[in-house]
Amino acid sequence: MTSSIPTPSYPISSGATSSNPVDMLEKRAADQRRQIHNSVAELRETVKEKLDVKRNLHEHLWPAAGVAALLGWMLGYSVMGVFTKD
């Protein structure tokens, strides 16, 4: 009868230079916290760039002006109908 012993996902070594599983887990947790911190910092910077009104207006001035003119024309045309008689 053979027993199936699960093998851990972390490397096992023996001797004076070995580290126990708790130390390995603490190291992994620290690495993951560092990765999460870096990801959050990148996300903040990306959101800050995307929501920068001054930069976006500078980059998309002509399309924004065209949309504003079109909306103004449509609003003026529809309001004009209220003041004219058939």
PDB file of N, CA and C in Angstrom:
ATOM      1  N   MET A   1       0.855  -1.175   0.000  1.00  0.00           N
ATOM      2  CA  MET A   1       0.000   0.000   0.000  1.00  0.00           C
ATOM      3  C   MET A   1       0.899   1.235   0.000  1.00  0.00           C
ATOM      4  N   THR A   2       0.711   2.106  -0.982  1.00  0.00           N
ATOM      5  CA  THR A   2       1.511   3.324  -1.082  1.00  0.00           C
ATOM      6  C   THR A   2       0.655   4.509  -0.690  1.00  0.00           C
ATOM      7  N   SER A   3       1.259   5.445  -0.011  1.00  0.00           N
ATOM      8  CA  SER A   3       0.528   6.651   0.383  1.00  0.00           C
ATOM      9  C   SER A   3       0.975   7.802  -0.501  1.00  0.00           C
ATOM     10  N   SER A   4       0.042   8.623  -0.803  1.00  0.00           N
ATOM     11  CA  SER A   4       0.323   9.776  -1.641  1.00  0.00           C
ATOM     12  C   SER A   4       0.541  10.986  -0.740  1.00  0.00           C
ATOM     13  N   ILE A   5       1.755  11.487  -0.732  1.00  0.00           N
ATOM     14  CA  ILE A   5       2.087  12.651   0.085  1.00  0.00           C
ATOM     15  C   ILE A   5       2.174  13.854  -0.840  1.00  0.00           C
ATOM     16  N   PRO A   6       1.372  14.887  -0.566  1.00  0.00           N
ATOM     17  CA  PRO A   6       1.426  16.076  -1.433  1.00  0.00           C
ATOM     18  C   PRO A   6       2.764  16.777  -1.277  1.00  0.00           C
ATOM     19  N   THR A   7       3.268  17.247  -2.386  1.00  0.00           N
ATOM     20  CA  THR A   7       4.540  17.972  -2.345  1.00  0.00           C
ATOM     21  C   THR A   7       4.255  19.461  -2.277  1.00  0.00           C
ATOM     22  N   PRO A   8       4.992  20.180  -1.458  1.00  0.00           N
ATOM     23  CA  PRO A   8       4.770  21.628  -1.352  1.00  0.00           C
ATOM     24  C   PRO A   8       5.245  22.343  -2.609  1.00  0.00           C
ATOM     25  N   SER A   9       4.680  23.530  -2.830  1.00  0.00           N
ATOM     26  CA  SER A   9       5.045  24.289  -4.026  1.00  0.00           C
ATOM     27  C   SER A   9       6.330  25.080  -3.823  1.00  0.00           C
ATOM     28  N   TYR A  10       6.823  25.159  -2.612  1.00  0.00           N
ATOM     29  CA  TYR A  10       8.062  25.876  -2.356  1.00  0.00           C
ATOM     30  C   TYR A  10       9.219  24.879  -2.318  1.00  0.00           C
ATOM     31  N   PRO A  11      10.415  25.312  -2.652  1.00  0.00           N
ATOM     32  CA  PRO A  11      11.544  24.384  -2.657  1.00  0.00           C
ATOM     33  C   PRO A  11      11.938  23.980  -1.245  1.00  0.00           C
ATOM     34  N   ILE A  12      12.305  22.730  -1.113  1.00  0.00           N
ATOM     35  CA  ILE A  12      12.742  22.212   0.176  1.00  0.00           C
ATOM     36  C   ILE A  12      14.225  21.928   0.074  1.00  0.00           C
ATOM     37  N   SER A  13      14.976  22.457   1.013  1.00  0.00           N
ATOM     38  CA  SER A  13      16.404  22.174   1.062  1.00  0.00           C
ATOM     39  C   SER A  13      16.766  21.832   2.487  1.00  0.00           C
ATOM     40  N   SER A  14      17.885  21.202   2.648  1.00  0.00           N
ATOM     41  CA  SER A  14      18.298  20.824   3.992  1.00  0.00           C
ATOM     42  C   SER A  14      19.635  21.473   4.296  1.00  0.00           C
ATOM     43  N   GLY A  15      19.978  21.552   5.569  1.00  0.00           N
ATOM     44  CA  GLY A  15      21.248  22.111   5.958  1.00  0.00           C
ATOM     45  C   GLY A  15      21.083  23.439   6.659  1.00  0.00           C
ATOM     46  N   ALA A  16      22.198  24.089   6.920  1.00  0.00           N
ATOM     47  CA  ALA A  16      22.195  25.335   7.679  1.00  0.00           C
ATOM     48  C   ALA A  16      21.640  26.494   6.864  1.00  0.00           C
ATOM     49  N   THR A  17      21.649  26.405   5.549  1.00  0.00           N
ATOM     50  CA  THR A  17      21.166  27.515   4.726  1.00  0.00           C
ATOM     51  C   THR A  17      19.689  27.392   4.377  1.00  0.00           C
ATOM     52  N   SER A  18      19.011  26.393   4.916  1.00  0.00           N
ATOM     53  CA  SER A  18      17.599  26.214   4.564  1.00  0.00           C
ATOM     54  C   SER A  18      16.740  27.241   5.288  1.00  0.00           C
ATOM     55  N   SER A  19      15.646  27.583   4.644  1.00  0.00           N
ATOM     56  CA  SER A  19      14.692  28.480   5.279  1.00  0.00           C
ATOM     57  C   SER A  19      13.404  27.706   5.466  1.00  0.00           C
ATOM     58  N   ASN A  20      12.740  27.991   6.545  1.00  0.00           N
ATOM     59  CA  ASN A  20      11.516  27.235   6.818  1.00  0.00           C
ATOM     60  C   ASN A  20      10.359  27.810   6.014  1.00  0.00           C
ATOM     61  N   PRO A  21       9.279  27.058   5.911  1.00  0.00           N
ATOM     62  CA  PRO A  21       8.130  27.497   5.089  1.00  0.00           C
ATOM     63  C   PRO A  21       7.540  28.832   5.540  1.00  0.00           C
ATOM     64  N   VAL A  22       7.599  29.122   6.819  1.00  0.00           N
ATOM     65  CA  VAL A  22       7.046  30.389   7.304  1.00  0.00           C
ATOM     66  C   VAL A  22       7.843  31.556   6.741  1.00  0.00           C
ATOM     67  N   ASP A  23       9.163  31.426   6.725  1.00  0.00           N
ATOM     68  CA  ASP A  23       9.993  32.487   6.159  1.00  0.00           C
ATOM     69  C   ASP A  23       9.706  32.668   4.674  1.00  0.00           C
ATOM     70  N   MET A  24       9.541  31.560   3.969  1.00  0.00           N
ATOM     71  CA  MET A  24       9.244  31.644   2.533  1.00  0.00           C
ATOM     72  C   MET A  24       7.897  32.325   2.307  1.00  0.00           C
ATOM     73  N   LEU A  25       6.905  31.983   3.129  1.00  0.00           N
ATOM     74  CA  LEU A  25       5.584  32.606   2.984  1.00  0.00           C
ATOM     75  C   LEU A  25       5.648  34.103   3.295  1.00  0.00           C
ATOM     76  N   GLU A  26       6.420  34.467   4.314  1.00  0.00           N
ATOM     77  CA  GLU A  26       6.569  35.882   4.635  1.00  0.00           C
ATOM     78  C   GLU A  26       7.243  36.636   3.491  1.00  0.00           C
ATOM     79  N   LYS A  27       8.238  36.021   2.878  1.00  0.00           N
ATOM     80  CA  LYS A  27       8.921  36.645   1.741  1.00  0.00           C
ATOM     81  C   LYS A  27       7.964  36.805   0.564  1.00  0.00           C
ATOM     82  N   ARG A  28       7.178  35.761   0.293  1.00  0.00           N
ATOM     83  CA  ARG A  28       6.192  35.857  -0.799  1.00  0.00           C
ATOM     84  C   ARG A  28       5.177  36.946  -0.529  1.00  0.00           C
ATOM     85  N   ALA A  29       4.703  37.016   0.724  1.00  0.00           N
ATOM     86  CA  ALA A  29       3.716  38.045   1.075  1.00  0.00           C
ATOM     87  C   ALA A  29       4.311  39.436   0.892  1.00  0.00           C
ATOM     88  N   ALA A  30       5.569  39.614   1.289  1.00  0.00           N
ATOM     89  CA  ALA A  30       6.223  40.919   1.110  1.00  0.00           C
ATOM     90  C   ALA A  30       6.369  41.251  -0.369  1.00  0.00           C
ATOM     91  N   ASP A  31       6.732  40.262  -1.180  1.00  0.00           N
ATOM     92  CA  ASP A  31       6.850  40.483  -2.627  1.00  0.00           C
ATOM     93  C   ASP A  31       5.500  40.851  -3.228  1.00  0.00           C
ATOM     94  N   GLN A  32       4.447  40.158  -2.804  1.00  0.00           N
ATOM     95  CA  GLN A  32       3.117  40.447  -3.338  1.00  0.00           C
ATOM     96  C   GLN A  32       2.645  41.831  -2.906  1.00  0.00           C
ATOM     97  N   ARG A  33       2.934  42.217  -1.671  1.00  0.00           N
ATOM     98  CA  ARG A  33       2.563  43.572  -1.224  1.00  0.00           C
ATOM     99  C   ARG A  33       3.288  44.620  -2.056  1.00  0.00           C
ATOM    100  N   ARG A  34       4.548  44.371  -2.348  1.00  0.00           N
ATOM    101  CA  ARG A  34       5.329  45.302  -3.167  1.00  0.00           C
ATOM    102  C   ARG A  34       4.733  45.393  -4.570  1.00  0.00           C
ATOM    103  N   GLN A  35       4.358  44.253  -5.142  1.00  0.00           N
ATOM    104  CA  GLN A  35       3.764  44.259  -6.487  1.00  0.00           C
ATOM    105  C   GLN A  35       2.443  45.014  -6.490  1.00  0.00           C
ATOM    106  N   ILE A  36       1.621  44.786  -5.468  1.00  0.00           N
ATOM    107  CA  ILE A  36       0.331  45.478  -5.387  1.00  0.00           C
ATOM    108  C   ILE A  36       0.555  46.978  -5.244  1.00  0.00           C
ATOM    109  N   HIS A  37       1.510  47.360  -4.404  1.00  0.00           N
ATOM    110  CA  HIS A  37       1.809  48.785  -4.217  1.00  0.00           C
ATOM    111  C   HIS A  37       2.232  49.420  -5.537  1.00  0.00           C
ATOM    112  N   ASN A  38       3.098  48.733  -6.287  1.00  0.00           N
ATOM    113  CA  ASN A  38       3.542  49.271  -7.577  1.00  0.00           C
ATOM    114  C   ASN A  38       2.393  49.346  -8.569  1.00  0.00           C
ATOM    115  N   SER A  39       1.523  48.337  -8.570  1.00  0.00           N
ATOM    116  CA  SER A  39       0.374  48.346  -9.485  1.00  0.00           C
ATOM    117  C   SER A  39      -0.572  49.498  -9.163  1.00  0.00           C
ATOM    118  N   VAL A  40      -0.812  49.728  -7.894  1.00  0.00           N
ATOM    119  CA  VAL A  40      -1.702  50.817  -7.492  1.00  0.00           C
ATOM    120  C   VAL A  40      -1.084  52.163  -7.870  1.00  0.00           C
ATOM    121  N   ALA A  41       0.212  52.298  -7.689  1.00  0.00           N
ATOM    122  CA  ALA A  41       0.882  53.551  -8.054  1.00  0.00           C
ATOM    123  C   ALA A  41       0.775  53.788  -9.562  1.00  0.00           C
ATOM    124  N   GLU A  42       0.964  52.741 -10.361  1.00  0.00           N
ATOM    125  CA  GLU A  42       0.811  52.881 -11.818  1.00  0.00           C
ATOM    126  C   GLU A  42      -0.612  53.254 -12.187  1.00  0.00           C
ATOM    127  N   LEU A  43      -1.588  52.613 -11.542  1.00  0.00           N
ATOM    128  CA  LEU A  43      -2.993  52.896 -11.827  1.00  0.00           C
ATOM    129  C   LEU A  43      -3.336  54.340 -11.481  1.00  0.00           C
ATOM    130  N   ARG A  44      -2.858  54.814 -10.347  1.00  0.00           N
ATOM    131  CA  ARG A  44      -3.109  56.215  -9.974  1.00  0.00           C
ATOM    132  C   ARG A  44      -2.553  57.174 -11.010  1.00  0.00           C
ATOM    133  N   GLU A  45      -1.332  56.913 -11.457  1.00  0.00           N
ATOM    134  CA  GLU A  45      -0.700  57.793 -12.442  1.00  0.00           C
ATOM    135  C   GLU A  45      -1.478  57.771 -13.758  1.00  0.00           C
ATOM    136  N   THR A  46      -1.910  56.582 -14.178  1.00  0.00           N
ATOM    137  CA  THR A  46      -2.666  56.463 -15.427  1.00  0.00           C
ATOM    138  C   THR A  46      -3.995  57.210 -15.328  1.00  0.00           C
ATOM    139  N   VAL A  47      -4.707  57.040 -14.219  1.00  0.00           N
ATOM    140  CA  VAL A  47      -5.991  57.729 -14.040  1.00  0.00           C
ATOM    141  C   VAL A  47      -5.775  59.235 -13.993  1.00  0.00           C
ATOM    142  N   LYS A  48      -4.711  59.659 -13.312  1.00  0.00           N
ATOM    143  CA  LYS A  48      -4.415  61.094 -13.226  1.00  0.00           C
ATOM    144  C   LYS A  48      -4.168  61.680 -14.617  1.00  0.00           C
ATOM    145  N   GLU A  49      -3.437  60.939 -15.451  1.00  0.00           N
ATOM    146  CA  GLU A  49      -3.173  61.411 -16.817  1.00  0.00           C
ATOM    147  C   GLU A  49      -4.450  61.443 -17.646  1.00  0.00           C
ATOM    148  N   LYS A  50      -5.276  60.415 -17.527  1.00  0.00           N
ATOM    149  CA  LYS A  50      -6.502  60.342 -18.339  1.00  0.00           C
ATOM    150  C   LYS A  50      -7.504  61.421 -17.954  1.00  0.00           C
ATOM    151  N   LEU A  51      -7.533  61.822 -16.686  1.00  0.00           N
ATOM    152  CA  LEU A  51      -8.510  62.803 -16.222  1.00  0.00           C
ATOM    153  C   LEU A  51      -7.956  64.222 -16.177  1.00  0.00           C
ATOM    154  N   ASP A  52      -6.795  64.457 -16.741  1.00  0.00           N
ATOM    155  CA  ASP A  52      -6.206  65.792 -16.774  1.00  0.00           C
ATOM    156  C   ASP A  52      -6.935  66.623 -17.833  1.00  0.00           C
ATOM    157  N   VAL A  53      -7.815  67.502 -17.368  1.00  0.00           N
ATOM    158  CA  VAL A  53      -8.676  68.266 -18.268  1.00  0.00           C
ATOM    159  C   VAL A  53      -7.859  69.189 -19.163  1.00  0.00           C
ATOM    160  N   LYS A  54      -6.889  69.874 -18.593  1.00  0.00           N
ATOM    161  CA  LYS A  54      -6.105  70.831 -19.369  1.00  0.00           C
ATOM    162  C   LYS A  54      -5.360  70.132 -20.512  1.00  0.00           C
ATOM    163  N   ARG A  55      -4.740  69.003 -20.214  1.00  0.00           N
ATOM    164  CA  ARG A  55      -3.992  68.268 -21.247  1.00  0.00           C
ATOM    165  C   ARG A  55      -4.946  67.696 -22.302  1.00  0.00           C
ATOM    166  N   ASN A  56      -6.075  67.137 -21.856  1.00  0.00           N
ATOM    167  CA  ASN A  56      -7.025  66.562 -22.805  1.00  0.00           C
ATOM    168  C   ASN A  56      -7.635  67.637 -23.707  1.00  0.00           C
ATOM    169  N   LEU A  57      -7.931  68.783 -23.149  1.00  0.00           N
ATOM    170  CA  LEU A  57      -8.487  69.872 -23.957  1.00  0.00           C
ATOM    171  C   LEU A  57      -7.461  70.361 -24.975  1.00  0.00           C
ATOM    172  N   HIS A  58      -6.207  70.435 -24.547  1.00  0.00           N
ATOM    173  CA  HIS A  58      -5.144  70.862 -25.464  1.00  0.00           C
ATOM    174  C   HIS A  58      -4.981  69.862 -26.604  1.00  0.00           C
ATOM    175  N   GLU A  59      -5.051  68.572 -26.300  1.00  0.00           N
ATOM    176  CA  GLU A  59      -4.879  67.537 -27.330  1.00  0.00           C
ATOM    177  C   GLU A  59      -6.086  67.417 -28.251  1.00  0.00           C
ATOM    178  N   HIS A  60      -7.282  67.700 -27.737  1.00  0.00           N
ATOM    179  CA  HIS A  60      -8.511  67.480 -28.518  1.00  0.00           C
ATOM    180  C   HIS A  60      -9.323  68.764 -28.664  1.00  0.00           C
ATOM    181  N   LEU A  61      -8.645  69.873 -28.907  1.00  0.00           N
ATOM    182  CA  LEU A  61      -9.315  71.167 -28.973  1.00  0.00           C
ATOM    183  C   LEU A  61     -10.290  71.255 -30.150  1.00  0.00           C
ATOM    184  N   TRP A  62      -9.844  70.880 -31.354  1.00  0.00           N
ATOM    185  CA  TRP A  62     -10.707  71.030 -32.531  1.00  0.00           C
ATOM    186  C   TRP A  62     -11.914  70.102 -32.511  1.00  0.00           C
ATOM    187  N   PRO A  63     -11.778  68.844 -32.143  1.00  0.00           N
ATOM    188  CA  PRO A  63     -12.996  68.019 -32.039  1.00  0.00           C
ATOM    189  C   PRO A  63     -13.958  68.544 -30.971  1.00  0.00           C
ATOM    190  N   ALA A  64     -13.413  69.031 -29.844  1.00  0.00           N
ATOM    191  CA  ALA A  64     -14.285  69.576 -28.797  1.00  0.00           C
ATOM    192  C   ALA A  64     -14.997  70.832 -29.290  1.00  0.00           C
ATOM    193  N   ALA A  65     -14.295  71.674 -30.033  1.00  0.00           N
ATOM    194  CA  ALA A  65     -14.918  72.884 -30.572  1.00  0.00           C
ATOM    195  C   ALA A  65     -16.003  72.522 -31.584  1.00  0.00           C
ATOM    196  N   GLY A  66     -15.752  71.511 -32.391  1.00  0.00           N
ATOM    197  CA  GLY A  66     -16.757  71.079 -33.371  1.00  0.00           C
ATOM    198  C   GLY A  66     -18.007  70.539 -32.699  1.00  0.00           C
ATOM    199  N   VAL A  67     -17.832  69.738 -31.673  1.00  0.00           N
ATOM    200  CA  VAL A  67     -18.987  69.194 -30.948  1.00  0.00           C
ATOM    201  C   VAL A  67     -19.760  70.329 -30.281  1.00  0.00           C
ATOM    202  N   ALA A  68     -19.050  71.283 -29.671  1.00  0.00           N
ATOM    203  CA  ALA A  68     -19.719  72.412 -29.024  1.00  0.00           C
ATOM    204  C   ALA A  68     -20.499  73.246 -30.046  1.00  0.00           C
ATOM    205  N   ALA A  69     -19.920  73.469 -31.215  1.00  0.00           N
ATOM    206  CA  ALA A  69     -20.614  74.240 -32.253  1.00  0.00           C
ATOM    207  C   ALA A  69     -21.853  73.506 -32.746  1.00  0.00           C
ATOM    208  N   LEU A  70     -21.726  72.207 -32.945  1.00  0.00           N
ATOM    209  CA  LEU A  70     -22.868  71.406 -33.398  1.00  0.00           C
ATOM    210  C   LEU A  70     -23.986  71.417 -32.365  1.00  0.00           C
ATOM    211  N   LEU A  71     -23.639  71.254 -31.101  1.00  0.00           N
ATOM    212  CA  LEU A  71     -24.663  71.286 -30.050  1.00  0.00           C
ATOM    213  C   LEU A  71     -25.303  72.662 -29.950  1.00  0.00           C
ATOM    214  N   GLY A  72     -24.510  73.722 -30.103  1.00  0.00           N
ATOM    215  CA  GLY A  72     -25.068  75.070 -30.084  1.00  0.00           C
ATOM    216  C   GLY A  72     -26.007  75.308 -31.245  1.00  0.00           C
ATOM    217  N   TRP A  73     -25.641  74.828 -32.416  1.00  0.00           N
ATOM    218  CA  TRP A  73     -26.500  74.986 -33.587  1.00  0.00           C
ATOM    219  C   TRP A  73     -27.808  74.227 -33.398  1.00  0.00           C
ATOM    220  N   MET A  74     -27.722  72.995 -32.894  1.00  0.00           N
ATOM    221  CA  MET A  74     -28.942  72.197 -32.690  1.00  0.00           C
ATOM    222  C   MET A  74     -29.839  72.833 -31.634  1.00  0.00           C
ATOM    223  N   LEU A  75     -29.256  73.322 -30.555  1.00  0.00           N
ATOM    224  CA  LEU A  75     -30.047  73.966 -29.509  1.00  0.00           C
ATOM    225  C   LEU A  75     -30.681  75.257 -30.039  1.00  0.00           C
ATOM    226  N   GLY A  76     -29.924  76.050 -30.787  1.00  0.00           N
ATOM    227  CA  GLY A  76     -30.479  77.287 -31.352  1.00  0.00           C
ATOM    228  C   GLY A  76     -31.590  77.012 -32.345  1.00  0.00           C
ATOM    229  N   TYR A  77     -31.430  75.993 -33.166  1.00  0.00           N
ATOM    230  CA  TYR A  77     -32.453  75.655 -34.151  1.00  0.00           C
ATOM    231  C   TYR A  77     -33.738  75.191 -33.467  1.00  0.00           C
ATOM    232  N   SER A  78     -33.579  74.394 -32.390  1.00  0.00           N
ATOM    233  CA  SER A  78     -34.778  73.901 -31.707  1.00  0.00           C
ATOM    234  C   SER A  78     -35.462  75.008 -30.906  1.00  0.00           C
ATOM    235  N   VAL A  79     -34.723  75.929 -30.329  1.00  0.00           N
ATOM    236  CA  VAL A  79     -35.317  77.040 -29.575  1.00  0.00           C
ATOM    237  C   VAL A  79     -35.966  78.027 -30.538  1.00  0.00           C
ATOM    238  N   MET A  80     -35.400  78.184 -31.721  1.00  0.00           N
ATOM    239  CA  MET A  80     -35.959  79.094 -32.712  1.00  0.00           C
ATOM    240  C   MET A  80     -37.380  78.673 -33.080  1.00  0.00           C
ATOM    241  N   GLY A  81     -37.665  77.404 -33.090  1.00  0.00           N
ATOM    242  CA  GLY A  81     -38.996  76.927 -33.421  1.00  0.00           C
ATOM    243  C   GLY A  81     -40.061  77.380 -32.441  1.00  0.00           C
ATOM    244  N   VAL A  82     -39.678  77.633 -31.207  1.00  0.00           N
ATOM    245  CA  VAL A  82     -40.624  78.086 -30.196  1.00  0.00           C
ATOM    246  C   VAL A  82     -41.072  79.510 -30.491  1.00  0.00           C
ATOM    247  N   PHE A  83     -40.165  80.346 -31.036  1.00  0.00           N
ATOM    248  CA  PHE A  83     -40.466  81.757 -31.225  1.00  0.00           C
ATOM    249  C   PHE A  83     -41.041  82.089 -32.609  1.00  0.00           C
ATOM    250  N   THR A  84     -41.032  81.151 -33.523  1.00  0.00           N
ATOM    251  CA  THR A  84     -41.581  81.433 -34.863  1.00  0.00           C
ATOM    252  C   THR A  84     -42.990  80.887 -34.957  1.00  0.00           C
ATOM    253  N   LYS A  85     -43.801  81.578 -35.750  1.00  0.00           N
ATOM    254  CA  LYS A  85     -45.180  81.130 -35.929  1.00  0.00           C
ATOM    255  C   LYS A  85     -45.322  80.515 -37.300  1.00  0.00           C
ATOM    256  N   ASP A  86     -46.210  79.598 -37.409  1.00  0.00           N
ATOM    257  CA  ASP A  86     -46.496  78.952 -38.712  1.00  0.00           C
ATOM    258  C   ASP A  86     -47.299  79.822 -39.604  1.00  0.00           C
TER     259      ASP A  86
END
